[in-house]
Structures are given as C-alpha cells and as structure tokens.
C-alpha cells in the first residue's frame, strides 16, 4: 500500500510479564488437554511493540502479544492517513473518511475469509497440479522479507538499549529497492 518506504529508526519495548505464571499457560486462551503439554517456564517474550520511523515521514506502530489481560484475541490492521483511515479486523473492512465535511464510515461487503495458510497451500498445490511454470511465489521478495526482519531486530535492539536505534539495512538492499 505504501510501496515499502525505507525504515530509518525504531523505538521498541519487549516484556516478559506472564511467561513465568503457570496459570497463564494452562488456561489461556483455552485449557491444555494433552498429557504431553509443556508446562515448564517459557523463555519467550509475551508482549512486544515498536514505533518505526520511515524516511518519507511515515510512521508505523506494531505490537504482538500471546498472553495479556484482554477479552479476546484480535488480529487487526489499521492504516490512518490525513484523508481517511482503513481498519481491517476478521471479516470486516471499514473505510473512514469525510464527505462534504461529514464523517463517513463505509463497510464494503467481503466474502468469507479463509486462512492465509490455506490460500497459500491451495495456490501451491494448484501450481503443481496444473503444471504451471512457477508457483505464484514469492508473495514478497527476499529484500522485503529482509526489511521486515531488520525492523524486528531493531525493536529488540531498542528495547535492550532503552532508546531509539537505527534500522540496519545492507547496501545491496538499498540498490535493489531503488532507494
């Protein structure tokens, strides 16, 4: 949507507040029923967030958590601009904007949502069955994957340093992305 702008810096925080609480592992979000369930202390963060600053002035806030005190699991994306905003959550997309100085929310009809993994698997199998020259991959380039990894790495470095840090991107990626 924004054509992969160049990330410049990140400020991030990472927390491990729940991983040592056995009740969070046994009943959240559903009880573990397997006799082989892992119940020892977990060496993993339970919440991470980052604010990413891009060269063109764009900013992005990202957060991920697997254990926290919330009512329900949420998977959502919000894009907010000066002319409107887009909110995607589950099977719902809302476009919020102004028309003749009136606040308007448009919610287009969309079909049944499928798992992204199921869609990828189906596309891969269809490519094999139909004998196509190549599968519809990659969904993103190696450079784009590296940018995502560099941002995540910068979130961890920022959390450890306690300050904003630069995003480390190899020179060949700059050239490949046309920056």
N, C-alpha and C. Protein backbone atom coordinates (compact mmCIF):
# COMPACT_ATOMS: atom_id res chain seq x y z
N UNK A 1 0.81 -1.19 0.00
CA UNK A 1 0.00 0.00 0.00
C UNK A 1 0.85 1.26 0.00
N UNK A 2 2.03 1.20 0.61
CA UNK A 2 2.90 2.37 0.64
C UNK A 2 4.23 2.08 -0.05
N UNK A 3 4.31 0.97 -0.77
CA UNK A 3 5.46 0.64 -1.62
C UNK A 3 6.78 0.52 -0.88
N UNK A 4 6.78 -0.06 0.29
CA UNK A 4 7.98 -0.33 1.07
C UNK A 4 8.92 0.87 1.19
N UNK A 5 8.51 1.87 1.97
CA UNK A 5 9.41 3.00 2.21
C UNK A 5 10.59 2.55 3.07
N UNK A 6 11.66 3.34 3.06
CA UNK A 6 12.88 2.97 3.78
C UNK A 6 12.73 3.24 5.28
N UNK A 7 12.82 2.18 6.12
CA UNK A 7 12.78 2.40 7.57
C UNK A 7 14.09 3.03 8.04
N UNK A 8 13.97 4.04 8.90
CA UNK A 8 15.14 4.77 9.37
C UNK A 8 15.49 4.41 10.81
N UNK A 9 14.48 4.46 11.70
CA UNK A 9 14.76 4.17 13.11
C UNK A 9 13.55 3.54 13.78
N UNK A 10 13.82 2.95 14.94
CA UNK A 10 12.79 2.23 15.69
C UNK A 10 12.99 2.52 17.18
N UNK A 11 11.89 2.64 17.88
CA UNK A 11 11.93 2.59 19.34
C UNK A 11 11.01 1.45 19.74
N UNK A 12 11.50 0.56 20.57
CA UNK A 12 10.71 -0.62 20.91
C UNK A 12 10.81 -0.99 22.37
N UNK A 13 9.85 -1.76 22.80
CA UNK A 13 9.82 -2.31 24.16
C UNK A 13 9.40 -3.77 24.06
N UNK A 14 9.99 -4.59 24.90
CA UNK A 14 9.68 -6.02 24.94
C UNK A 14 9.50 -6.41 26.41
N UNK A 15 8.45 -7.18 26.69
CA UNK A 15 8.15 -7.56 28.07
C UNK A 15 7.97 -9.07 28.20
N UNK A 16 8.33 -9.57 29.39
CA UNK A 16 8.07 -10.96 29.76
C UNK A 16 7.41 -10.95 31.13
N UNK A 17 6.13 -10.62 31.15
CA UNK A 17 5.42 -10.48 32.41
C UNK A 17 4.59 -11.70 32.77
N UNK A 18 4.24 -12.52 31.77
CA UNK A 18 3.32 -13.63 32.02
C UNK A 18 3.96 -15.00 31.87
N UNK A 19 5.11 -15.10 31.23
CA UNK A 19 5.66 -16.41 30.89
C UNK A 19 6.02 -17.24 32.12
N UNK A 20 6.21 -16.61 33.27
CA UNK A 20 6.53 -17.38 34.48
C UNK A 20 5.28 -17.73 35.29
N UNK A 21 4.11 -17.34 34.83
CA UNK A 21 2.86 -17.62 35.54
C UNK A 21 2.20 -18.85 34.94
N UNK A 22 2.23 -19.96 35.67
CA UNK A 22 1.71 -21.21 35.12
C UNK A 22 0.23 -21.13 34.78
N UNK A 23 -0.55 -20.36 35.51
CA UNK A 23 -1.97 -20.27 35.19
C UNK A 23 -2.22 -19.62 33.83
N UNK A 24 -1.30 -18.79 33.36
CA UNK A 24 -1.46 -18.20 32.03
C UNK A 24 -1.25 -19.25 30.94
N UNK A 25 -0.43 -20.24 31.22
CA UNK A 25 -0.17 -21.27 30.21
C UNK A 25 -1.23 -22.36 30.23
N UNK A 26 -1.79 -22.64 31.38
CA UNK A 26 -2.71 -23.77 31.47
C UNK A 26 -4.12 -23.45 30.99
N UNK A 27 -4.57 -22.24 31.14
CA UNK A 27 -5.96 -21.93 30.80
C UNK A 27 -6.10 -20.79 29.81
N UNK A 28 -5.03 -20.32 29.22
CA UNK A 28 -5.15 -19.18 28.34
C UNK A 28 -4.60 -19.51 26.98
N UNK A 29 -5.29 -19.29 25.90
CA UNK A 29 -6.68 -18.87 25.86
C UNK A 29 -7.65 -20.02 26.07
N UNK A 30 -7.19 -21.27 25.93
CA UNK A 30 -8.03 -22.44 26.22
C UNK A 30 -7.20 -23.41 27.05
N UNK A 31 -7.85 -24.25 27.85
CA UNK A 31 -7.10 -25.21 28.67
C UNK A 31 -6.28 -26.17 27.81
N UNK A 32 -5.10 -26.54 28.30
CA UNK A 32 -4.27 -27.53 27.63
C UNK A 32 -4.78 -28.91 28.05
N UNK A 33 -5.10 -29.77 27.09
CA UNK A 33 -5.66 -31.07 27.43
C UNK A 33 -4.68 -32.22 27.17
N UNK A 34 -3.60 -31.97 26.48
CA UNK A 34 -2.65 -33.03 26.16
C UNK A 34 -1.83 -33.39 27.39
N UNK A 35 -1.58 -34.70 27.58
CA UNK A 35 -0.73 -35.12 28.68
C UNK A 35 0.73 -34.75 28.43
N UNK A 36 1.04 -34.40 27.16
CA UNK A 36 2.40 -34.04 26.80
C UNK A 36 2.60 -32.52 26.77
N UNK A 37 1.61 -31.77 27.24
CA UNK A 37 1.68 -30.30 27.19
C UNK A 37 2.89 -29.80 27.97
N UNK A 38 3.56 -28.83 27.40
CA UNK A 38 4.75 -28.24 28.00
C UNK A 38 4.31 -27.24 29.07
N UNK A 39 4.71 -27.45 30.31
CA UNK A 39 4.28 -26.56 31.38
C UNK A 39 5.44 -25.93 32.15
N UNK A 40 6.67 -26.13 31.72
CA UNK A 40 7.82 -25.52 32.38
C UNK A 40 7.87 -24.03 32.03
N UNK A 41 8.64 -23.24 32.80
CA UNK A 41 8.76 -21.81 32.48
C UNK A 41 9.19 -21.61 31.02
N UNK A 42 8.63 -20.58 30.40
CA UNK A 42 8.90 -20.31 28.99
C UNK A 42 9.86 -19.14 28.86
N UNK A 43 10.89 -19.32 28.06
CA UNK A 43 11.86 -18.27 27.82
C UNK A 43 11.47 -17.52 26.54
N UNK A 44 10.35 -16.79 26.62
CA UNK A 44 9.86 -16.08 25.45
C UNK A 44 9.14 -14.82 25.93
N UNK A 45 9.23 -13.78 25.13
CA UNK A 45 8.53 -12.55 25.47
C UNK A 45 7.04 -12.75 25.28
N UNK A 46 6.23 -12.08 26.09
CA UNK A 46 4.79 -12.19 25.89
C UNK A 46 4.18 -10.93 25.29
N UNK A 47 4.95 -9.84 25.21
CA UNK A 47 4.45 -8.63 24.57
C UNK A 47 5.62 -7.86 23.98
N UNK A 48 5.45 -7.38 22.77
CA UNK A 48 6.46 -6.53 22.13
C UNK A 48 5.75 -5.46 21.33
N UNK A 49 6.35 -4.26 21.29
CA UNK A 49 5.79 -3.18 20.49
C UNK A 49 6.92 -2.34 19.93
N UNK A 50 6.62 -1.70 18.81
CA UNK A 50 7.62 -0.84 18.20
C UNK A 50 6.98 0.30 17.45
N UNK A 51 7.67 1.43 17.43
CA UNK A 51 7.28 2.57 16.62
C UNK A 51 8.39 2.77 15.60
N UNK A 52 8.05 2.61 14.33
CA UNK A 52 9.02 2.66 13.24
C UNK A 52 8.88 3.99 12.52
N UNK A 53 10.01 4.66 12.31
CA UNK A 53 10.02 5.92 11.57
C UNK A 53 10.64 5.66 10.20
N UNK A 54 9.96 6.12 9.14
CA UNK A 54 10.43 5.92 7.78
C UNK A 54 10.98 7.22 7.21
N UNK A 55 11.81 7.10 6.17
CA UNK A 55 12.48 8.24 5.56
C UNK A 55 11.49 9.29 5.03
N UNK A 56 10.34 8.84 4.53
CA UNK A 56 9.38 9.77 3.93
C UNK A 56 8.44 10.42 4.95
N UNK A 57 8.69 10.21 6.24
CA UNK A 57 7.85 10.81 7.28
C UNK A 57 6.76 9.89 7.80
N UNK A 58 6.52 8.79 7.13
CA UNK A 58 5.53 7.80 7.58
C UNK A 58 5.99 7.18 8.90
N UNK A 59 5.04 6.90 9.79
CA UNK A 59 5.35 6.15 11.00
C UNK A 59 4.44 4.94 11.07
N UNK A 60 4.93 3.89 11.69
CA UNK A 60 4.15 2.66 11.84
C UNK A 60 4.29 2.17 13.28
N UNK A 61 3.15 1.83 13.88
CA UNK A 61 3.14 1.23 15.21
C UNK A 61 2.78 -0.24 15.03
N UNK A 62 3.53 -1.11 15.69
CA UNK A 62 3.27 -2.55 15.59
C UNK A 62 3.35 -3.15 16.99
N UNK A 63 2.46 -4.08 17.27
CA UNK A 63 2.53 -4.80 18.54
C UNK A 63 2.13 -6.24 18.33
N UNK A 64 2.68 -7.09 19.18
CA UNK A 64 2.34 -8.51 19.15
C UNK A 64 2.36 -9.03 20.58
N UNK A 65 1.41 -9.90 20.89
CA UNK A 65 1.35 -10.49 22.21
C UNK A 65 0.72 -11.87 22.12
N UNK A 66 1.12 -12.75 22.99
CA UNK A 66 0.47 -14.06 23.06
C UNK A 66 -0.20 -14.25 24.41
N UNK A 67 0.11 -13.39 25.37
CA UNK A 67 -0.51 -13.52 26.69
C UNK A 67 -0.64 -12.13 27.30
N UNK A 68 -1.87 -11.75 27.60
CA UNK A 68 -2.13 -10.48 28.26
C UNK A 68 -3.57 -10.48 28.77
N UNK A 69 -3.92 -9.50 29.54
CA UNK A 69 -5.28 -9.40 30.06
C UNK A 69 -6.17 -8.63 29.09
N UNK A 70 -6.71 -9.33 28.10
CA UNK A 70 -7.67 -8.75 27.16
C UNK A 70 -8.84 -9.72 27.03
N UNK A 71 -9.97 -9.22 26.53
CA UNK A 71 -11.17 -10.05 26.41
C UNK A 71 -11.05 -11.14 25.36
N UNK A 72 -10.39 -10.83 24.25
CA UNK A 72 -10.37 -11.78 23.13
C UNK A 72 -9.11 -11.58 22.31
N UNK A 73 -8.76 -12.61 21.55
CA UNK A 73 -7.66 -12.48 20.61
C UNK A 73 -8.10 -11.54 19.49
N UNK A 74 -7.19 -10.69 19.05
CA UNK A 74 -7.51 -9.77 17.96
C UNK A 74 -6.42 -9.86 16.90
N UNK A 75 -6.84 -9.82 15.67
CA UNK A 75 -5.94 -9.77 14.52
C UNK A 75 -6.45 -8.62 13.68
N UNK A 76 -5.75 -7.50 13.70
CA UNK A 76 -6.27 -6.34 13.00
C UNK A 76 -5.16 -5.48 12.45
N UNK A 77 -5.52 -4.68 11.46
CA UNK A 77 -4.62 -3.73 10.84
C UNK A 77 -5.38 -2.42 10.72
N UNK A 78 -4.74 -1.33 11.09
CA UNK A 78 -5.34 0.00 10.91
C UNK A 78 -4.33 0.86 10.17
N UNK A 79 -4.79 1.51 9.12
CA UNK A 79 -3.97 2.45 8.36
C UNK A 79 -4.65 3.80 8.47
N UNK A 80 -3.94 4.77 9.01
CA UNK A 80 -4.54 6.07 9.28
C UNK A 80 -3.76 7.14 8.54
N UNK A 81 -4.46 7.92 7.73
CA UNK A 81 -3.84 8.98 6.96
C UNK A 81 -4.54 10.30 7.17
N UNK A 82 -4.12 11.31 6.44
CA UNK A 82 -4.71 12.64 6.59
C UNK A 82 -6.03 12.78 5.85
N UNK A 83 -6.33 11.86 4.94
CA UNK A 83 -7.57 11.92 4.17
C UNK A 83 -8.56 10.83 4.53
N UNK A 84 -8.16 9.93 5.41
CA UNK A 84 -9.05 8.84 5.80
C UNK A 84 -8.29 7.73 6.48
N UNK A 85 -9.02 6.70 6.86
CA UNK A 85 -8.41 5.56 7.52
C UNK A 85 -9.06 4.27 7.08
N UNK A 86 -8.32 3.19 7.20
CA UNK A 86 -8.80 1.86 6.83
C UNK A 86 -8.58 0.95 8.04
N UNK A 87 -9.61 0.21 8.41
CA UNK A 87 -9.50 -0.72 9.53
C UNK A 87 -9.94 -2.10 9.07
N UNK A 88 -9.06 -3.08 9.24
CA UNK A 88 -9.36 -4.45 8.86
C UNK A 88 -9.28 -5.30 10.12
N UNK A 89 -10.35 -6.06 10.38
CA UNK A 89 -10.38 -6.95 11.53
C UNK A 89 -11.29 -8.12 11.20
N UNK A 90 -10.73 -9.33 11.21
CA UNK A 90 -11.53 -10.52 10.90
C UNK A 90 -12.11 -10.46 9.51
N UNK A 91 -13.43 -10.50 9.40
CA UNK A 91 -14.10 -10.44 8.11
C UNK A 91 -14.61 -9.04 7.79
N UNK A 92 -14.11 -8.03 8.47
CA UNK A 92 -14.65 -6.69 8.31
C UNK A 92 -13.59 -5.70 7.86
N UNK A 93 -13.93 -4.91 6.86
CA UNK A 93 -13.09 -3.80 6.42
C UNK A 93 -13.94 -2.54 6.53
N UNK A 94 -13.39 -1.52 7.15
CA UNK A 94 -14.09 -0.23 7.23
C UNK A 94 -13.18 0.86 6.69
N UNK A 95 -13.76 1.73 5.89
CA UNK A 95 -13.05 2.89 5.36
C UNK A 95 -13.70 4.12 5.97
N UNK A 96 -12.94 4.86 6.74
CA UNK A 96 -13.46 6.02 7.45
C UNK A 96 -12.88 7.27 6.77
N UNK A 97 -13.74 8.17 6.37
CA UNK A 97 -13.29 9.37 5.66
C UNK A 97 -14.35 10.46 5.79
N UNK A 98 -14.11 11.60 5.15
CA UNK A 98 -15.06 12.72 5.17
C UNK A 98 -15.65 12.92 3.78
N UNK A 99 -16.95 13.18 3.74
CA UNK A 99 -17.64 13.53 2.50
C UNK A 99 -18.42 14.81 2.81
N UNK A 100 -18.13 15.87 2.08
CA UNK A 100 -18.79 17.16 2.32
C UNK A 100 -18.73 17.55 3.80
N UNK A 101 -17.54 17.38 4.38
CA UNK A 101 -17.27 17.73 5.77
C UNK A 101 -18.08 16.92 6.78
N UNK A 102 -18.57 15.76 6.37
CA UNK A 102 -19.28 14.84 7.25
C UNK A 102 -18.43 13.58 7.42
N UNK A 103 -18.37 13.07 8.63
CA UNK A 103 -17.64 11.85 8.96
C UNK A 103 -18.42 10.65 8.44
N UNK A 104 -17.79 9.81 7.60
CA UNK A 104 -18.48 8.69 6.97
C UNK A 104 -17.68 7.41 7.19
N UNK A 105 -18.39 6.33 7.52
CA UNK A 105 -17.77 5.01 7.60
C UNK A 105 -18.39 4.13 6.54
N UNK A 106 -17.57 3.63 5.64
CA UNK A 106 -18.03 2.72 4.59
C UNK A 106 -17.54 1.32 4.92
N UNK A 107 -18.43 0.36 4.86
CA UNK A 107 -18.07 -1.03 5.13
C UNK A 107 -18.48 -1.88 3.94
N UNK A 108 -17.54 -2.11 3.01
CA UNK A 108 -17.89 -2.91 1.83
C UNK A 108 -18.16 -4.36 2.20
N UNK A 109 -18.98 -5.02 1.42
CA UNK A 109 -19.25 -6.44 1.62
C UNK A 109 -18.04 -7.23 1.13
N UNK A 110 -17.57 -8.15 1.94
CA UNK A 110 -16.48 -9.03 1.51
C UNK A 110 -16.90 -10.46 1.76
N UNK A 111 -16.29 -11.36 1.02
CA UNK A 111 -16.65 -12.77 1.12
C UNK A 111 -16.10 -13.42 2.37
N UNK A 112 -16.39 -14.69 2.49
CA UNK A 112 -15.93 -15.48 3.63
C UNK A 112 -14.41 -15.47 3.67
N UNK A 113 -13.84 -15.13 4.79
CA UNK A 113 -12.40 -15.09 4.93
C UNK A 113 -11.87 -16.50 5.14
N UNK A 114 -10.77 -16.81 4.47
CA UNK A 114 -10.10 -18.09 4.65
C UNK A 114 -8.76 -17.85 5.31
N UNK A 115 -8.22 -18.89 5.87
CA UNK A 115 -6.89 -18.81 6.46
C UNK A 115 -5.88 -18.47 5.37
N UNK A 116 -4.96 -17.56 5.68
CA UNK A 116 -3.91 -17.21 4.72
C UNK A 116 -3.08 -18.44 4.38
N UNK A 117 -2.86 -19.31 5.36
CA UNK A 117 -2.10 -20.54 5.10
C UNK A 117 -2.85 -21.44 4.13
N UNK A 118 -4.16 -21.56 4.30
CA UNK A 118 -4.96 -22.40 3.40
C UNK A 118 -4.91 -21.85 1.98
N UNK A 119 -4.97 -20.53 1.83
CA UNK A 119 -4.91 -19.93 0.49
C UNK A 119 -3.55 -20.17 -0.15
N UNK A 120 -2.47 -20.03 0.63
CA UNK A 120 -1.13 -20.28 0.09
C UNK A 120 -0.97 -21.74 -0.30
N UNK A 121 -1.43 -22.64 0.57
CA UNK A 121 -1.34 -24.07 0.27
C UNK A 121 -2.10 -24.42 -1.00
N UNK A 122 -3.31 -23.88 -1.15
CA UNK A 122 -4.12 -24.14 -2.34
C UNK A 122 -3.42 -23.63 -3.59
N UNK A 123 -2.87 -22.42 -3.54
CA UNK A 123 -2.17 -21.86 -4.70
C UNK A 123 -0.97 -22.71 -5.08
N UNK A 124 -0.23 -23.20 -4.09
CA UNK A 124 0.93 -24.03 -4.34
C UNK A 124 0.53 -25.36 -4.98
N UNK A 125 -0.49 -26.01 -4.41
CA UNK A 125 -0.97 -27.29 -4.94
C UNK A 125 -1.54 -27.11 -6.35
N UNK A 126 -2.31 -26.05 -6.58
CA UNK A 126 -2.84 -25.77 -7.92
C UNK A 126 -1.71 -25.61 -8.93
N UNK A 127 -0.62 -24.94 -8.54
CA UNK A 127 0.51 -24.76 -9.45
C UNK A 127 1.14 -26.10 -9.82
N UNK A 128 1.22 -27.02 -8.85
CA UNK A 128 1.78 -28.35 -9.13
C UNK A 128 0.83 -29.15 -10.01
N UNK A 129 -0.45 -29.18 -9.65
CA UNK A 129 -1.44 -29.98 -10.38
C UNK A 129 -1.60 -29.49 -11.81
N UNK A 130 -1.63 -28.18 -11.99
CA UNK A 130 -1.83 -27.61 -13.33
C UNK A 130 -0.55 -27.54 -14.14
N UNK A 131 0.57 -27.90 -13.52
CA UNK A 131 1.83 -27.93 -14.25
C UNK A 131 2.35 -26.57 -14.65
N UNK A 132 2.04 -25.58 -13.87
CA UNK A 132 2.49 -24.22 -14.19
C UNK A 132 4.00 -24.11 -14.16
N UNK A 133 4.53 -23.14 -14.89
CA UNK A 133 5.96 -22.94 -14.94
C UNK A 133 6.52 -22.55 -13.58
N UNK A 134 5.74 -21.79 -12.82
CA UNK A 134 6.19 -21.44 -11.47
C UNK A 134 4.98 -21.16 -10.60
N UNK A 135 5.15 -21.44 -9.33
CA UNK A 135 4.08 -21.15 -8.37
C UNK A 135 3.96 -19.64 -8.20
N UNK A 136 2.83 -19.16 -7.70
CA UNK A 136 2.65 -17.72 -7.52
C UNK A 136 3.44 -17.20 -6.32
N UNK A 137 4.72 -17.50 -6.31
CA UNK A 137 5.60 -17.09 -5.23
C UNK A 137 6.79 -16.37 -5.83
N UNK A 138 7.47 -15.60 -5.09
CA UNK A 138 7.17 -15.31 -3.70
C UNK A 138 6.09 -14.24 -3.58
N UNK A 139 5.35 -14.32 -2.48
CA UNK A 139 4.34 -13.29 -2.21
C UNK A 139 5.03 -11.98 -1.89
N UNK A 140 6.26 -12.07 -1.42
CA UNK A 140 7.09 -10.88 -1.24
C UNK A 140 8.51 -11.28 -1.64
N UNK A 141 9.33 -10.29 -1.89
CA UNK A 141 10.70 -10.57 -2.32
C UNK A 141 11.59 -10.83 -1.10
N UNK A 142 12.77 -11.33 -1.36
CA UNK A 142 13.74 -11.52 -0.30
C UNK A 142 14.10 -10.20 0.37
N UNK A 143 14.21 -9.14 -0.44
CA UNK A 143 14.52 -7.82 0.11
C UNK A 143 13.43 -7.35 1.06
N UNK A 144 12.18 -7.57 0.69
CA UNK A 144 11.06 -7.17 1.55
C UNK A 144 11.06 -7.98 2.85
N UNK A 145 11.37 -9.27 2.75
CA UNK A 145 11.49 -10.09 3.95
C UNK A 145 12.63 -9.63 4.84
N UNK A 146 13.74 -9.23 4.22
CA UNK A 146 14.87 -8.73 4.99
C UNK A 146 14.51 -7.43 5.70
N UNK A 147 13.74 -6.56 5.05
CA UNK A 147 13.31 -5.31 5.69
C UNK A 147 12.47 -5.60 6.93
N UNK A 148 11.55 -6.55 6.82
CA UNK A 148 10.72 -6.93 7.96
C UNK A 148 11.58 -7.45 9.10
N UNK A 149 12.54 -8.31 8.77
CA UNK A 149 13.44 -8.86 9.78
C UNK A 149 14.30 -7.77 10.41
N UNK A 150 14.78 -6.81 9.60
CA UNK A 150 15.59 -5.71 10.13
C UNK A 150 14.80 -4.85 11.10
N UNK A 151 13.52 -4.63 10.81
CA UNK A 151 12.66 -3.85 11.72
C UNK A 151 12.48 -4.60 13.04
N UNK A 152 12.20 -5.90 12.97
CA UNK A 152 12.02 -6.70 14.19
C UNK A 152 13.31 -6.72 15.01
N UNK A 153 14.44 -6.89 14.34
CA UNK A 153 15.73 -6.89 15.04
C UNK A 153 15.97 -5.53 15.71
N UNK A 154 15.60 -4.44 15.04
CA UNK A 154 15.77 -3.11 15.63
C UNK A 154 14.88 -2.92 16.85
N UNK A 155 13.68 -3.50 16.84
CA UNK A 155 12.80 -3.42 18.02
C UNK A 155 13.50 -4.06 19.22
N UNK A 156 14.10 -5.24 19.03
CA UNK A 156 14.82 -5.90 20.12
C UNK A 156 16.03 -5.08 20.58
N UNK A 157 16.79 -4.53 19.63
CA UNK A 157 17.96 -3.72 19.99
C UNK A 157 17.55 -2.47 20.75
N UNK A 158 16.47 -1.82 20.32
CA UNK A 158 15.97 -0.63 21.00
C UNK A 158 15.53 -0.97 22.42
N UNK A 159 14.81 -2.07 22.57
CA UNK A 159 14.35 -2.48 23.90
C UNK A 159 15.54 -2.72 24.83
N UNK A 160 16.57 -3.35 24.30
CA UNK A 160 17.76 -3.63 25.11
C UNK A 160 18.52 -2.35 25.46
N UNK A 161 18.63 -1.43 24.49
CA UNK A 161 19.37 -0.19 24.70
C UNK A 161 18.56 0.85 25.48
N UNK A 162 17.24 0.73 25.45
CA UNK A 162 16.39 1.70 26.12
C UNK A 162 16.30 3.03 25.40
N UNK A 163 16.52 3.01 24.09
CA UNK A 163 16.47 4.25 23.30
C UNK A 163 16.16 3.91 21.84
N UNK A 164 15.92 4.95 21.05
CA UNK A 164 15.69 4.78 19.61
C UNK A 164 16.99 4.31 18.95
N UNK A 165 16.87 3.38 18.00
CA UNK A 165 18.04 2.88 17.27
C UNK A 165 17.78 2.94 15.77
N UNK A 166 18.86 2.96 15.00
CA UNK A 166 18.76 2.93 13.54
C UNK A 166 18.43 1.53 13.07
N UNK A 167 17.76 1.45 11.93
CA UNK A 167 17.47 0.15 11.30
C UNK A 167 18.66 -0.17 10.39
N UNK A 168 19.28 -1.32 10.61
CA UNK A 168 20.46 -1.72 9.85
C UNK A 168 20.04 -2.45 8.58
N UNK A 169 20.28 -1.80 7.43
CA UNK A 169 19.90 -2.38 6.14
C UNK A 169 21.15 -2.45 5.26
N UNK A 170 21.47 -3.63 4.72
CA UNK A 170 22.64 -3.75 3.85
C UNK A 170 22.52 -2.87 2.59
N UNK A 171 23.66 -2.41 2.10
CA UNK A 171 23.69 -1.52 0.92
C UNK A 171 23.04 -2.16 -0.30
N UNK A 172 23.21 -3.47 -0.50
CA UNK A 172 22.63 -4.11 -1.68
C UNK A 172 21.11 -4.03 -1.68
N UNK A 173 20.50 -3.97 -0.48
CA UNK A 173 19.05 -3.84 -0.40
C UNK A 173 18.64 -2.45 -0.86
N UNK A 174 19.41 -1.41 -0.47
CA UNK A 174 19.14 -0.05 -0.95
C UNK A 174 19.09 -0.03 -2.47
N UNK A 175 20.09 -0.64 -3.08
CA UNK A 175 20.19 -0.65 -4.54
C UNK A 175 19.04 -1.43 -5.17
N UNK A 176 18.73 -2.59 -4.60
CA UNK A 176 17.66 -3.43 -5.14
C UNK A 176 16.29 -2.77 -5.01
N UNK A 177 16.08 -2.02 -3.92
CA UNK A 177 14.79 -1.36 -3.68
C UNK A 177 14.68 -0.03 -4.42
N UNK A 178 15.79 0.43 -5.01
CA UNK A 178 15.76 1.69 -5.76
C UNK A 178 15.74 2.93 -4.88
N UNK A 179 16.33 2.84 -3.68
CA UNK A 179 16.34 4.00 -2.78
C UNK A 179 17.51 4.89 -3.09
